[in-house]
C-alpha atoms as a PDB file:
ATOM      1  CA  MET A   1       2.037   2.990  -9.698  1.00  0.00           C
ATOM      2  CA  LEU A   2       0.613   5.200 -12.440  1.00  0.00           C
ATOM      3  CA  ARG A   3       3.171   4.091 -15.001  1.00  0.00           C
ATOM      4  CA  TYR A   4       1.938   0.491 -14.788  1.00  0.00           C
ATOM      5  CA  MET A   5      -1.658   1.274 -13.799  1.00  0.00           C
ATOM      6  CA  ALA A   6      -1.243  -0.900 -10.722  1.00  0.00           C
ATOM      7  CA  THR A   7      -4.630  -0.122  -9.261  1.00  0.00           C
ATOM      8  CA  GLY A   8      -4.784  -2.988  -6.759  1.00  0.00           C
ATOM      9  CA  GLY A   9      -3.690  -0.746  -3.920  1.00  0.00           C
ATOM     10  CA  VAL A  10      -0.913   1.206  -2.309  1.00  0.00           C
ATOM     11  CA  PHE A  11       0.600  -0.193   0.866  1.00  0.00           C
ATOM     12  CA  VAL A  12       2.491   2.218   3.108  1.00  0.00           C
ATOM     13  CA  GLY A  13       5.012   0.445   5.296  1.00  0.00           C
ATOM     14  CA  GLY A  14       8.030   1.042   7.418  1.00  0.00           C
ATOM     15  CA  GLY A  15       8.620   1.986  11.013  1.00  0.00           C
ATOM     16  CA  ILE A  16       7.188   5.491  10.800  1.00  0.00           C
ATOM     17  CA  ALA A  17       3.861   4.653   9.109  1.00  0.00           C
ATOM     18  CA  PRO A  18       2.083   3.176  12.159  1.00  0.00           C
ATOM     19  CA  ARG A  19       3.304   6.051  14.326  1.00  0.00           C
ATOM     20  CA  ILE A  20       1.850   8.695  12.022  1.00  0.00           C
ATOM     21  CA  LEU A  21      -1.370   6.799  11.358  1.00  0.00           C
ATOM     22  CA  PRO A  22      -3.609   9.552  12.817  1.00  0.00           C
ATOM     23  CA  ALA A  23      -2.038  12.090  10.446  1.00  0.00           C
ATOM     24  CA  LEU A  24      -2.524   9.724   7.499  1.00  0.00           C
ATOM     25  CA  GLN A  25      -6.158   9.172   8.472  1.00  0.00           C
ATOM     26  CA  ALA A  26      -6.853  12.896   8.875  1.00  0.00           C
ATOM     27  CA  GLY A  27      -7.461  13.219   5.164  1.00  0.00           C
ATOM     28  CA  ASP A  28      -4.625  15.435   3.899  1.00  0.00           C
ATOM     29  CA  PHE A  29      -2.626  12.452   2.652  1.00  0.00           C
ATOM     30  CA  ALA A  30      -5.607  10.898   0.877  1.00  0.00           C
ATOM     31  CA  HIS A  31      -6.577  14.236  -0.646  1.00  0.00           C
ATOM     32  CA  SER A  32      -3.040  14.844  -1.938  1.00  0.00           C
ATOM     33  CA  PHE A  33      -2.795  11.278  -3.239  1.00  0.00           C
ATOM     34  CA  VAL A  34      -5.906  11.682  -5.381  1.00  0.00           C
ATOM     35  CA  GLN A  35      -5.184  15.202  -6.700  1.00  0.00           C
ATOM     36  CA  LYS A  36      -3.271  14.203  -9.826  1.00  0.00           C
ATOM     37  CA  GLY A  37      -5.130  16.082 -12.544  1.00  0.00           C
ATOM     38  CA  ARG A  38      -6.716  13.968 -15.232  1.00  0.00           C
ATOM     39  CA  LEU A  39      -5.873  10.745 -13.350  1.00  0.00           C
ATOM     40  CA  ARG A  40      -7.970  11.769 -10.355  1.00  0.00           C
ATOM     41  CA  SER A  41     -10.820   9.416 -11.275  1.00  0.00           C
ATOM     42  CA  VAL A  42      -8.401   6.474 -11.479  1.00  0.00           C
ATOM     43  CA  LEU A  43      -6.679   7.235  -8.172  1.00  0.00           C
ATOM     44  CA  ALA A  44      -9.953   7.784  -6.335  1.00  0.00           C
ATOM     45  CA  ASP A  45     -10.638   4.049  -6.670  1.00  0.00           C
ATOM     46  CA  VAL A  46      -7.182   2.875  -5.534  1.00  0.00           C
ATOM     47  CA  PRO A  47      -7.201   1.657  -1.919  1.00  0.00           C
ATOM     48  CA  VAL A  48      -4.435   2.948   0.361  1.00  0.00           C
ATOM     49  CA  ARG A  49      -3.494   0.824   3.363  1.00  0.00           C
ATOM     50  CA  VAL A  50      -0.946   1.185   6.154  1.00  0.00           C
ATOM     51  CA  MET A  51       0.892  -1.972   7.153  1.00  0.00           C
ATOM     52  CA  LEU A  52       0.883  -2.145  10.931  1.00  0.00           C
ATOM     53  CA  THR A  53       3.094  -5.191  11.350  1.00  0.00           C
ATOM     54  CA  GLY A  54       6.814  -4.762  11.747  1.00  0.00           C
ATOM     55  CA  ARG A  55       7.261  -8.173  10.153  1.00  0.00           C
ATOM     56  CA  ALA A  56       5.972  -7.350   6.655  1.00  0.00           C
ATOM     57  CA  ALA A  57       9.299  -8.111   4.942  1.00  0.00           C
ATOM     58  CA  LEU A  58       9.635 -11.426   6.799  1.00  0.00           C
ATOM     59  CA  LEU A  59       6.082 -12.415   5.911  1.00  0.00           C
ATOM     60  CA  GLY A  60       6.697 -11.566   2.253  1.00  0.00           C
ATOM     61  CA  VAL A  61       9.843 -13.686   2.119  1.00  0.00           C
ATOM     62  CA  ALA A  62       8.010 -16.559   3.804  1.00  0.00           C
ATOM     63  CA  GLN A  63       5.230 -16.333   1.210  1.00  0.00           C
ATOM     64  CA  CYS A  64       7.752 -16.341  -1.662  1.00  0.00           C
ATOM     65  CA  ALA A  65       9.512 -19.382  -0.173  1.00  0.00           C
ATOM     66  CA  HIS A  66       6.185 -21.161   0.253  1.00  0.00           C
ATOM     67  CA  LEU A  67       5.207 -20.495  -3.367  1.00  0.00           C
ATOM     68  CA  SER A  68       8.664 -21.514  -4.622  1.00  0.00           C
ATOM     69  CA  ALA A  69       8.294 -24.797  -2.789  1.00  0.00           C
ATOM     70  CA  GLY A  70       5.086 -25.495  -4.698  1.00  0.00           C
ATOM     71  CA  GLY A  71       2.600 -24.327  -2.108  1.00  0.00           C
ATOM     72  CA  LEU A  72      -0.635 -22.549  -2.886  1.00  0.00           C
ATOM     73  CA  SER A  73      -1.179 -18.999  -1.741  1.00  0.00           C
END
């Protein structure tokens, strides 16, 4: 993320993420995410989201297929 300055957001996914959501929301994760020295001010503005759906990969493939077929997002 930092290499490309992709500041649109970080999306945490996978089977474990929704199960540890309370731990992620407790603040330690967010605090550790931001504590990156001189890049702290950049990371403080990057949203972090947890994907709760187990179908994220399927939805992504469907979106790619839709766009490839000429559809609008």
